[in-house]
Protein backbone atom coordinates (compact mmCIF):
# COMPACT_ATOMS: atom_id res chain seq x y z
CA UNK A 1 0.00 0.00 0.00
CA UNK A 2 1.28 3.45 -0.94
CA UNK A 3 2.09 5.51 2.15
CA UNK A 4 1.70 9.28 1.90
CA UNK A 5 2.68 11.87 4.48
CA UNK A 6 0.59 15.01 3.97
CA UNK A 7 2.16 18.06 5.62
CA UNK A 8 0.11 21.21 6.19
CA UNK A 9 2.44 24.18 6.56
CA UNK A 10 0.02 27.05 7.17
CA UNK A 11 -0.93 28.62 10.50
CA UNK A 12 -4.48 29.01 9.21
CA UNK A 13 -6.52 25.85 9.74
CA UNK A 14 -9.27 25.51 7.16
CA UNK A 15 -7.61 28.00 4.83
CA UNK A 16 -6.77 27.65 1.17
CA UNK A 17 -3.76 25.36 1.48
CA UNK A 18 -5.64 23.18 3.97
CA UNK A 19 -8.55 22.87 1.54
CA UNK A 20 -6.17 21.95 -1.27
CA UNK A 21 -4.51 19.32 0.88
CA UNK A 22 -7.89 17.84 1.78
CA UNK A 23 -8.72 17.56 -1.92
CA UNK A 24 -5.45 15.75 -2.56
CA UNK A 25 -6.07 13.38 0.35
CA UNK A 26 -9.58 12.69 -0.92
CA UNK A 27 -8.25 11.71 -4.33
CA UNK A 28 -5.40 9.58 -3.02
CA UNK A 29 -7.50 7.83 -0.40
CA UNK A 30 -10.18 6.98 -2.95
CA UNK A 31 -7.66 4.74 -4.69
CA UNK A 32 -6.45 2.97 -1.60
CA UNK A 33 -3.44 5.02 -0.52
CA UNK A 34 -2.70 5.28 3.18
CA UNK A 35 -2.48 9.00 4.01
CA UNK A 36 -1.43 10.57 7.29
CA UNK A 37 -1.84 14.31 7.69
CA UNK A 38 0.15 16.48 10.07
CA UNK A 39 -0.51 20.17 10.69
CA UNK A 40 2.76 21.77 11.71
CA UNK A 41 1.22 24.67 13.60
CA UNK A 42 -0.57 22.20 15.88
CA UNK A 43 2.74 20.68 16.93
CA UNK A 44 5.29 22.00 19.41
CA UNK A 45 8.80 21.81 18.03
CA UNK A 46 11.90 23.91 17.55
CA UNK A 47 13.90 24.73 14.45
CA UNK A 48 17.43 23.40 14.11
CA UNK A 49 19.69 24.97 16.74
CA UNK A 50 22.89 24.13 14.82
CA UNK A 51 24.41 22.32 17.78
CA UNK A 52 26.09 19.65 15.67
CA UNK A 53 24.60 16.91 17.79
CA UNK A 54 23.45 14.92 14.76
CA UNK A 55 26.85 14.99 13.04
CA UNK A 56 28.05 11.72 14.55
CA UNK A 57 24.78 9.89 15.10
CA UNK A 58 22.31 11.15 12.53
CA UNK A 59 19.85 11.64 15.37
CA UNK A 60 18.44 15.03 16.36
CA UNK A 61 19.12 15.85 20.01
CA UNK A 62 15.89 17.84 20.31
CA UNK A 63 13.06 15.89 21.89
CA UNK A 64 9.73 17.40 20.90
CA UNK A 65 6.66 16.75 18.78
CA UNK A 66 8.78 16.34 15.67
CA UNK A 67 10.77 13.44 17.10
CA UNK A 68 8.24 10.72 16.16
CA UNK A 69 7.69 12.35 12.76
CA UNK A 70 11.12 11.22 11.55
CA UNK A 71 9.89 7.63 11.38
CA UNK A 72 6.84 8.75 9.43
CA UNK A 73 9.05 10.64 6.98
CA UNK A 74 11.26 7.64 6.41
CA UNK A 75 8.41 5.16 6.02
CA UNK A 76 6.55 7.30 3.47
CA UNK A 77 6.59 6.73 -0.27
CA UNK A 78 5.32 10.25 -0.98
CA UNK A 79 5.65 13.48 1.01
CA UNK A 80 3.27 16.25 -0.04
CA UNK A 81 3.51 19.73 1.48
CA UNK A 82 0.70 22.24 1.17
CA UNK A 83 1.52 25.83 2.02
CA UNK A 84 0.78 29.48 1.36
CA UNK A 85 3.49 31.89 0.31
CA UNK A 86 4.65 34.51 2.81
CA UNK A 87 6.84 37.26 1.31
CA UNK A 88 7.90 34.99 -1.58
CA UNK A 89 8.87 32.24 0.85
CA UNK A 90 7.10 29.80 3.15
CA UNK A 91 5.77 30.08 6.73
CA UNK A 92 8.12 29.88 9.69
CA UNK A 93 7.01 26.49 11.01
CA UNK A 94 7.44 24.90 7.60
CA UNK A 95 10.96 26.34 7.49
CA UNK A 96 11.61 24.92 10.96
CA UNK A 97 10.35 21.54 9.73
CA UNK A 98 12.69 21.72 6.75
CA UNK A 99 15.65 22.61 8.98
CA UNK A 100 15.13 19.51 11.09
CA UNK A 101 15.91 17.36 8.04
CA UNK A 102 19.55 18.17 8.86
CA UNK A 103 19.66 15.00 10.97
CA UNK A 104 18.65 12.95 7.94
CA UNK A 105 21.17 14.81 5.78
CA UNK A 106 23.88 13.75 8.24
CA UNK A 107 22.83 10.12 7.98
CA UNK A 108 22.99 10.26 4.21
CA UNK A 109 26.05 12.43 3.59
CA UNK A 110 28.19 12.29 6.75
CA UNK A 111 27.55 8.71 7.80
CA UNK A 112 26.95 7.41 4.26
CA UNK A 113 23.92 5.43 5.36
CA UNK A 114 21.37 4.12 2.84
CA UNK A 115 17.67 4.78 3.27
CA UNK A 116 16.62 2.47 6.13
CA UNK A 117 13.79 0.98 4.07
CA UNK A 118 15.44 1.18 0.66
CA UNK A 119 13.00 3.82 -0.55
CA UNK A 120 13.28 6.88 -2.75
CA UNK A 121 10.49 9.11 -1.41
CA UNK A 122 8.76 11.37 -3.92
CA UNK A 123 8.11 15.00 -3.00
CA UNK A 124 5.13 17.09 -4.09
CA UNK A 125 4.09 20.67 -3.38
CA UNK A 126 0.70 22.35 -3.28
CA UNK A 127 1.33 26.08 -3.22
CA UNK A 128 -1.05 29.01 -3.06
CA UNK A 129 -0.33 32.72 -3.05
CA UNK A 130 -2.14 36.04 -3.16
CA UNK A 131 -0.04 37.69 -5.84
CA UNK A 132 0.65 36.61 -9.40
CA UNK A 133 4.41 37.01 -9.66
CA UNK A 134 6.19 34.72 -12.08
CA UNK A 135 8.75 33.73 -9.45
CA UNK A 136 6.28 33.47 -6.57
CA UNK A 137 7.00 29.81 -5.82
CA UNK A 138 10.68 29.58 -6.76
CA UNK A 139 12.02 29.89 -3.21
CA UNK A 140 9.66 27.23 -1.90
CA UNK A 141 10.53 24.82 -4.70
CA UNK A 142 14.26 25.32 -4.31
CA UNK A 143 14.13 24.65 -0.56
CA UNK A 144 11.93 21.59 -0.91
CA UNK A 145 14.18 20.06 -3.55
CA UNK A 146 17.05 20.03 -1.05
CA UNK A 147 14.80 18.78 1.74
CA UNK A 148 13.76 15.81 -0.38
CA UNK A 149 17.37 15.10 -1.28
CA UNK A 150 18.24 15.01 2.42
CA UNK A 151 15.78 12.16 3.03
CA UNK A 152 17.04 10.10 0.07
CA UNK A 153 14.13 11.38 -2.00
CA UNK A 154 13.45 13.42 -5.09
CA UNK A 155 11.21 16.38 -5.80
CA UNK A 156 8.75 15.50 -8.57
CA UNK A 157 6.74 18.70 -8.96
CA UNK A 158 3.67 20.51 -7.73
CA UNK A 159 0.51 22.42 -8.41
CA UNK A 160 0.64 26.16 -7.80
CA UNK A 161 -2.20 28.66 -7.61
CA UNK A 162 -1.81 32.43 -7.81
CA UNK A 163 -4.25 35.21 -7.02
CA UNK A 164 -5.88 33.39 -4.08
CA UNK A 165 -5.80 35.27 -0.78
CA UNK A 166 -8.78 35.41 1.58
CA UNK A 167 -9.61 32.39 3.71
CA UNK A 168 -11.63 29.94 1.63
CA UNK A 169 -11.14 31.86 -1.61
CA UNK A 170 -9.89 28.68 -3.29
CA UNK A 171 -13.49 27.41 -3.16
CA UNK A 172 -14.30 29.95 -5.87
CA UNK A 173 -12.09 27.90 -8.18
CA UNK A 174 -13.54 24.38 -8.29
CA UNK A 175 -11.31 23.62 -11.25
CA UNK A 176 -8.28 24.06 -8.97
CA UNK A 177 -9.67 21.63 -6.44
CA UNK A 178 -10.44 19.11 -9.16
CA UNK A 179 -6.85 19.33 -10.44
CA UNK A 180 -5.58 18.56 -6.97
CA UNK A 181 -8.01 15.66 -6.52
CA UNK A 182 -6.88 14.27 -9.85
CA UNK A 183 -3.28 14.54 -8.71
CA UNK A 184 -4.12 12.52 -5.62
CA UNK A 185 -5.70 9.84 -7.79
CA UNK A 186 -2.73 9.84 -10.17
CA UNK A 187 -0.19 9.52 -7.38
CA UNK A 188 -2.02 6.42 -6.19
CA UNK A 189 -2.44 4.79 -9.59
CA UNK A 190 0.21 6.00 -12.06
CA UNK A 191 4.01 6.06 -12.29
CA UNK A 192 5.53 9.38 -11.26
CA UNK A 193 6.39 10.25 -14.86
CA UNK A 194 2.65 10.54 -15.52
CA UNK A 195 1.69 12.60 -12.49
CA UNK A 196 -0.02 15.83 -13.67
CA UNK A 197 2.30 18.32 -11.98
CA UNK A 198 4.23 21.40 -12.95
CA UNK A 199 7.88 20.44 -12.84
CA UNK A 200 9.48 23.87 -13.17
CA UNK A 201 10.44 26.24 -10.37
CA UNK A 202 8.54 28.91 -12.30
CA UNK A 203 5.26 27.18 -13.18
């Protein structure tokens, strides 16, 4: 069974990125995928404190709500992050989540360990932003590519929606929600080469 970790990176529960993520989960679950959702702003955890504690062990010394999430990351076949854009970047807790992948980076690159389950996780993004700038999502994509590399994975692509701001405004665009549902279905039924995503940093 395909295992998907669905990460909600917005502080606004029930907002546009949350609605998009729910549509993705609906599509993926309808085809039998096992999906676990985590909302970062409902967890209590710290960003990386650059202590170097993981250099020798590959284990983060911080003990908080993110500690058990490492196992979920490593056991997942797909990691999908849904987030708004804040000042052409991503929210603080999503950045803190990304930073904590340093422990996994150490396992891979300092300790030369293989993925513990022999997997190559696939990364997906669902991004939404109020403005319509061509480069609106480039920073998010660039960061997430390196995050996926740190966990022995690869960034596949994403779906990105501009000009959506107020809470729930995405509901005015049912075609956007349908695209995301279809992506969830595709992830559960098709090879990654056929997933209907935008694969450029400037979609």
